[in-house]
N, C-alpha and C. Protein backbone atom coordinates (compact mmCIF):
# COMPACT_ATOMS: atom_id res chain seq x y z
N MET A 1 0.87 -1.21 -0.03
CA MET A 1 0.17 -0.03 -0.02
C MET A 1 0.77 1.31 0.11
N LYS A 2 2.00 1.29 0.62
CA LYS A 2 2.92 2.44 0.74
C LYS A 2 3.44 2.89 -0.89
N SER A 3 3.73 1.68 -1.83
CA SER A 3 3.61 1.92 -3.07
C SER A 3 2.83 2.78 -3.74
N ALA A 4 1.64 2.41 -3.38
CA ALA A 4 0.33 2.73 -3.78
C ALA A 4 0.33 4.53 -3.58
N LEU A 5 0.48 4.59 -2.15
CA LEU A 5 0.68 6.12 -1.82
C LEU A 5 1.64 7.30 -2.51
N ALA A 6 3.02 6.31 -2.91
CA ALA A 6 3.74 7.03 -3.63
C ALA A 6 3.63 7.02 -4.72
N GLU A 7 2.82 6.49 -5.73
CA GLU A 7 2.22 6.68 -6.78
C GLU A 7 1.23 7.48 -7.17
N VAL A 8 0.03 7.74 -6.03
CA VAL A 8 -0.65 8.50 -6.01
C VAL A 8 0.15 10.30 -5.59
N LEU A 9 0.75 10.05 -4.86
CA LEU A 9 1.50 11.38 -4.71
C LEU A 9 2.29 11.90 -5.61
N ALA A 10 3.03 10.81 -6.46
CA ALA A 10 3.65 11.53 -7.39
C ALA A 10 2.91 11.97 -8.72
N GLY A 11 1.92 11.50 -8.81
CA GLY A 11 0.89 11.98 -9.79
C GLY A 11 0.15 13.39 -9.59
N VAL A 12 -0.35 13.42 -8.25
CA VAL A 12 -0.80 14.72 -7.62
C VAL A 12 0.24 15.71 -7.81
N PHE A 13 1.26 15.53 -7.38
CA PHE A 13 2.69 16.34 -7.63
C PHE A 13 2.96 16.91 -8.97
N ALA A 14 3.03 15.59 -9.91
CA ALA A 14 3.37 15.83 -11.29
C ALA A 14 2.26 16.57 -11.85
N THR A 15 0.96 16.81 -11.74
CA THR A 15 -0.06 17.39 -12.01
C THR A 15 0.22 18.92 -11.67
N TRP A 16 0.39 19.01 -10.75
CA TRP A 16 0.47 20.44 -9.90
C TRP A 16 1.97 21.30 -10.45
N SER A 17 2.85 20.16 -10.68
CA SER A 17 3.98 20.94 -11.29
C SER A 17 3.61 21.67 -12.61
N ILE A 18 3.13 20.84 -13.72
CA ILE A 18 2.73 21.18 -14.87
C ILE A 18 1.62 22.08 -14.94
N LEU A 19 0.82 22.38 -14.11
CA LEU A 19 -0.09 23.18 -14.18
C LEU A 19 0.28 24.83 -13.85
N THR A 20 1.21 24.46 -12.82
CA THR A 20 1.68 25.64 -12.16
C THR A 20 2.83 26.11 -13.12
N SER A 21 3.63 25.33 -13.97
CA SER A 21 4.69 25.92 -14.77
C SER A 21 4.68 26.02 -16.07
N GLU A 22 3.63 25.43 -16.69
CA GLU A 22 3.05 25.36 -17.90
C GLU A 22 3.53 26.56 -18.57
N GLU A 23 2.98 27.82 -18.28
CA GLU A 23 3.24 29.03 -18.80
C GLU A 23 4.86 29.37 -18.78
N THR A 24 5.25 29.40 -17.71
CA THR A 24 6.73 30.05 -17.49
C THR A 24 7.63 29.30 -18.47
N TYR A 25 7.30 27.86 -18.36
CA TYR A 25 8.39 26.89 -19.57
C TYR A 25 8.01 27.31 -20.64
N ARG A 26 6.89 27.53 -21.03
CA ARG A 26 6.77 27.95 -22.65
C ARG A 26 7.48 29.21 -23.07
N VAL A 27 7.51 30.14 -21.97
CA VAL A 27 8.10 31.55 -22.22
C VAL A 27 9.56 31.10 -22.15
N HIS A 28 10.02 30.56 -21.08
CA HIS A 28 11.84 30.49 -20.97
C HIS A 28 12.28 29.25 -21.60
N GLY A 29 11.28 28.12 -21.74
CA GLY A 29 11.98 26.86 -22.48
C GLY A 29 12.99 26.16 -21.73
N LYS A 30 13.16 26.49 -20.13
CA LYS A 30 14.11 25.63 -19.57
C LYS A 30 13.62 24.67 -18.50
N LYS A 31 14.12 24.15 -18.15
CA LYS A 31 13.72 22.95 -17.17
C LYS A 31 13.60 23.56 -15.84
N ASP A 32 14.70 24.28 -15.31
CA ASP A 32 14.79 25.00 -14.07
C ASP A 32 13.88 26.10 -13.86
N VAL A 33 12.97 26.48 -14.56
CA VAL A 33 11.61 26.88 -14.09
C VAL A 33 10.03 25.79 -13.55
N ILE A 34 10.52 24.97 -13.96
CA ILE A 34 9.52 23.88 -13.40
C ILE A 34 9.70 23.73 -11.90
N LEU A 35 8.30 24.13 -11.32
CA LEU A 35 8.24 24.09 -9.90
C LEU A 35 8.18 22.45 -9.49
N GLU A 36 8.87 22.36 -8.37
CA GLU A 36 8.40 20.76 -7.73
C GLU A 36 8.53 20.86 -6.30
N PRO A 37 7.66 20.21 -5.58
CA PRO A 37 7.59 20.17 -4.31
C PRO A 37 8.79 20.32 -3.48
N HIS A 38 8.72 20.65 -2.43
CA HIS A 38 10.01 20.33 -1.40
C HIS A 38 9.67 18.75 -1.02
N PRO A 39 10.85 18.44 -0.68
CA PRO A 39 11.33 16.85 -0.38
C PRO A 39 10.26 16.95 1.25
N ILE A 40 10.53 18.06 2.02
CA ILE A 40 9.86 18.25 3.39
C ILE A 40 8.36 17.80 3.20
N GLN A 41 7.73 18.62 2.08
CA GLN A 41 6.27 18.29 1.62
C GLN A 41 6.00 17.10 1.90
N LEU A 42 6.64 16.32 0.97
CA LEU A 42 6.18 15.10 0.75
C LEU A 42 6.27 13.96 1.98
N ILE A 43 7.36 14.26 2.51
CA ILE A 43 8.07 13.61 3.94
C ILE A 43 6.65 13.91 4.94
N ALA A 44 6.17 15.18 5.06
CA ALA A 44 5.18 15.51 5.95
C ALA A 44 3.71 14.70 5.86
N ILE A 45 3.53 14.81 4.33
CA ILE A 45 2.39 13.97 3.66
C ILE A 45 2.80 12.39 4.31
N MET A 46 3.80 12.09 3.98
CA MET A 46 3.80 10.47 4.31
C MET A 46 3.26 10.40 6.00
N ARG A 47 4.54 11.26 6.91
CA ARG A 47 3.96 11.40 8.02
C ARG A 47 2.74 11.46 8.62
N LEU A 48 1.91 12.14 8.04
CA LEU A 48 0.63 12.54 8.36
C LEU A 48 -0.27 11.40 7.96
N LEU A 49 0.09 10.49 7.30
CA LEU A 49 -0.56 9.17 6.84
C LEU A 49 -0.12 8.04 7.72
N GLY A 50 0.90 8.20 8.10
CA GLY A 50 1.56 7.07 9.03
C GLY A 50 2.30 5.91 8.01
N ALA A 51 2.71 6.53 7.21
CA ALA A 51 3.81 5.70 6.12
C ALA A 51 5.09 5.51 6.91
N ASP A 52 5.61 5.90 7.99
CA ASP A 52 6.59 5.72 8.70
C ASP A 52 6.63 4.72 9.58
N VAL A 53 5.39 4.08 10.06
CA VAL A 53 5.12 3.40 11.08
C VAL A 53 4.84 1.63 10.41
N SER A 54 5.27 0.58 10.83
CA SER A 54 4.76 -0.60 10.53
C SER A 54 3.10 -0.85 10.45
N GLU A 55 2.62 -0.88 11.72
CA GLU A 55 1.20 -0.73 11.76
C GLU A 55 0.44 0.49 11.53
N SER A 56 -0.14 0.98 10.51
CA SER A 56 -0.27 2.05 10.10
C SER A 56 -1.69 1.93 9.25
N VAL A 57 -2.18 3.53 8.90
CA VAL A 57 -3.41 3.21 7.94
C VAL A 57 -3.32 2.22 6.94
N PHE A 58 -1.87 1.79 6.44
CA PHE A 58 -2.35 1.15 5.12
C PHE A 58 -2.47 -0.54 5.37
N THR A 59 -2.40 -0.75 6.67
CA THR A 59 -2.87 -2.38 7.05
C THR A 59 -4.02 -2.49 7.31
N GLN A 60 -4.86 -1.18 7.65
CA GLN A 60 -6.29 -1.45 8.18
C GLN A 60 -7.03 -1.78 6.92
N VAL A 61 -7.28 -1.04 6.19
CA VAL A 61 -8.60 -1.42 5.00
C VAL A 61 -7.75 -1.03 3.77
N PRO A 62 -8.19 -1.99 2.81
CA PRO A 62 -7.66 -1.57 1.69
C PRO A 62 -7.62 -0.07 1.03
N LEU A 63 -6.44 0.19 0.42
CA LEU A 63 -6.34 1.68 -0.13
C LEU A 63 -6.69 2.80 0.98
N LEU A 64 -5.86 2.60 2.19
CA LEU A 64 -5.70 3.76 2.99
C LEU A 64 -6.92 3.38 4.33
N GLY A 65 -7.86 2.99 3.91
CA GLY A 65 -8.96 2.48 4.73
C GLY A 65 -9.31 3.65 6.08
N ARG A 66 -9.30 3.18 6.95
CA ARG A 66 -9.60 4.33 7.94
C ARG A 66 -8.06 5.29 8.62
N LEU A 67 -8.34 6.45 8.38
CA LEU A 67 -7.02 7.52 8.48
C LEU A 67 -6.55 7.39 9.85
N PHE A 68 -7.38 6.97 10.99
CA PHE A 68 -6.86 7.03 12.13
C PHE A 68 -7.02 5.56 12.81
N SER A 69 -6.13 4.85 13.36
CA SER A 69 -6.07 3.69 14.00
C SER A 69 -5.32 3.67 15.15
N GLU A 70 -5.41 2.28 15.95
CA GLU A 70 -4.60 2.53 17.37
C GLU A 70 -2.84 2.91 16.80
N ALA A 71 -2.55 2.16 15.91
CA ALA A 71 -1.32 2.51 15.87
C ALA A 71 -1.20 3.84 15.22
N ASN A 72 -1.80 4.30 14.51
CA ASN A 72 -1.72 5.91 13.89
C ASN A 72 -2.75 6.82 14.66
N PRO A 73 -2.39 7.23 15.82
CA PRO A 73 -3.19 8.08 16.73
C PRO A 73 -3.69 9.53 15.65
N GLU A 74 -4.87 10.16 16.49
CA GLU A 74 -5.10 11.04 16.17
C GLU A 74 -4.07 12.33 16.64
N GLY A 75 -3.83 13.21 16.25
CA GLY A 75 -2.87 14.42 16.80
C GLY A 75 -1.43 14.30 16.11
N HIS A 76 -1.23 14.01 14.99
CA HIS A 76 -0.05 13.96 14.41
C HIS A 76 0.19 15.33 13.94
N LEU A 77 1.34 15.92 14.41
CA LEU A 77 1.84 17.39 14.28
C LEU A 77 3.28 17.17 13.29
N VAL A 78 3.09 18.28 12.30
CA VAL A 78 4.12 18.21 11.49
C VAL A 78 4.78 19.98 11.61
N GLN A 79 5.97 20.19 11.59
CA GLN A 79 6.55 21.37 11.46
C GLN A 79 7.20 22.15 10.24
N LEU A 80 6.58 22.95 9.51
CA LEU A 80 7.69 23.34 8.44
C LEU A 80 7.90 24.81 8.53
N GLY A 81 9.24 24.85 8.12
CA GLY A 81 9.76 26.06 8.37
C GLY A 81 8.94 27.35 6.98
N THR A 82 9.33 28.67 7.29
CA THR A 82 8.59 29.71 6.62
C THR A 82 9.05 29.23 4.90
N GLY A 83 8.69 29.38 4.28
CA GLY A 83 8.66 29.16 3.00
C GLY A 83 8.65 27.88 2.36
N GLU A 84 8.43 26.82 3.47
CA GLU A 84 8.34 25.61 2.96
C GLU A 84 7.36 24.89 2.32
N GLY A 85 6.19 25.70 2.18
CA GLY A 85 5.17 25.67 1.34
C GLY A 85 3.85 24.58 2.31
N LYS A 86 3.64 25.15 3.07
CA LYS A 86 2.46 24.68 4.06
C LYS A 86 0.98 24.67 3.45
N SER A 87 0.74 25.51 2.32
CA SER A 87 -0.48 25.56 1.82
C SER A 87 -0.22 24.69 0.58
N ILE A 88 0.75 24.26 -0.24
CA ILE A 88 1.02 23.21 -0.94
C ILE A 88 0.84 21.81 -0.42
N LEU A 89 1.60 21.63 0.88
CA LEU A 89 1.41 20.39 1.54
C LEU A 89 -0.04 20.16 1.68
N LEU A 90 -0.76 21.03 2.18
CA LEU A 90 -2.13 20.92 2.32
C LEU A 90 -3.26 20.52 1.23
N GLY A 91 -3.09 21.29 0.26
CA GLY A 91 -3.70 21.00 -0.96
C GLY A 91 -3.18 19.71 -1.46
N GLY A 92 -1.87 19.29 -1.50
CA GLY A 92 -1.59 17.90 -1.79
C GLY A 92 -2.02 16.92 -1.14
N LEU A 93 -2.19 17.07 0.40
CA LEU A 93 -3.03 16.45 1.10
C LEU A 93 -4.28 15.87 0.78
N ALA A 94 -4.96 16.86 0.65
CA ALA A 94 -6.22 16.95 0.51
C ALA A 94 -6.70 16.24 -0.95
N ALA A 95 -6.03 16.53 -1.67
CA ALA A 95 -5.87 15.75 -3.39
C ALA A 95 -5.80 14.42 -2.97
N VAL A 96 -4.71 14.01 -2.52
CA VAL A 96 -4.37 12.40 -2.13
C VAL A 96 -5.53 11.73 -1.31
N LEU A 97 -6.13 12.66 -0.30
CA LEU A 97 -7.02 11.85 0.39
C LEU A 97 -8.56 11.62 -0.39
N SER A 98 -8.64 12.80 -1.36
CA SER A 98 -9.94 12.68 -2.34
C SER A 98 -9.50 11.33 -3.21
N LEU A 99 -8.46 11.39 -3.86
CA LEU A 99 -8.35 10.35 -4.70
C LEU A 99 -8.36 8.67 -4.37
N LEU A 100 -7.97 8.82 -2.90
CA LEU A 100 -8.38 7.63 -2.24
C LEU A 100 -9.47 7.62 -1.56
N GLY A 101 -10.68 8.16 -1.74
CA GLY A 101 -11.92 7.95 -1.69
C GLY A 101 -12.40 8.70 -0.37
N PHE A 102 -11.64 9.57 0.31
CA PHE A 102 -11.93 10.24 1.52
C PHE A 102 -12.82 11.32 1.32
N GLU A 103 -13.99 11.83 2.22
CA GLU A 103 -14.83 13.02 1.83
C GLU A 103 -14.40 14.10 2.50
């Protein structure tokens, strides 16, 4: 299931990169203008979903199932510094959860 999460994350952020960088890329034609998520954003999403523990969301119900289990208690906290993209993180997390069937 963790590989399924990685694939969904990759798809979400690839789409985000294309949508946010398309115009700038067309103007400049350089790959270095393409926006990418910060590694900490991806790590934070995986942490919030419990991908770092052996008994996590991924073992409860197929395709994430319940978000909070005994091994994955409520109250996860992630700290991001200034400029590390909290809004992008939350948008990406919302997209991932939506694609996985959460409302």
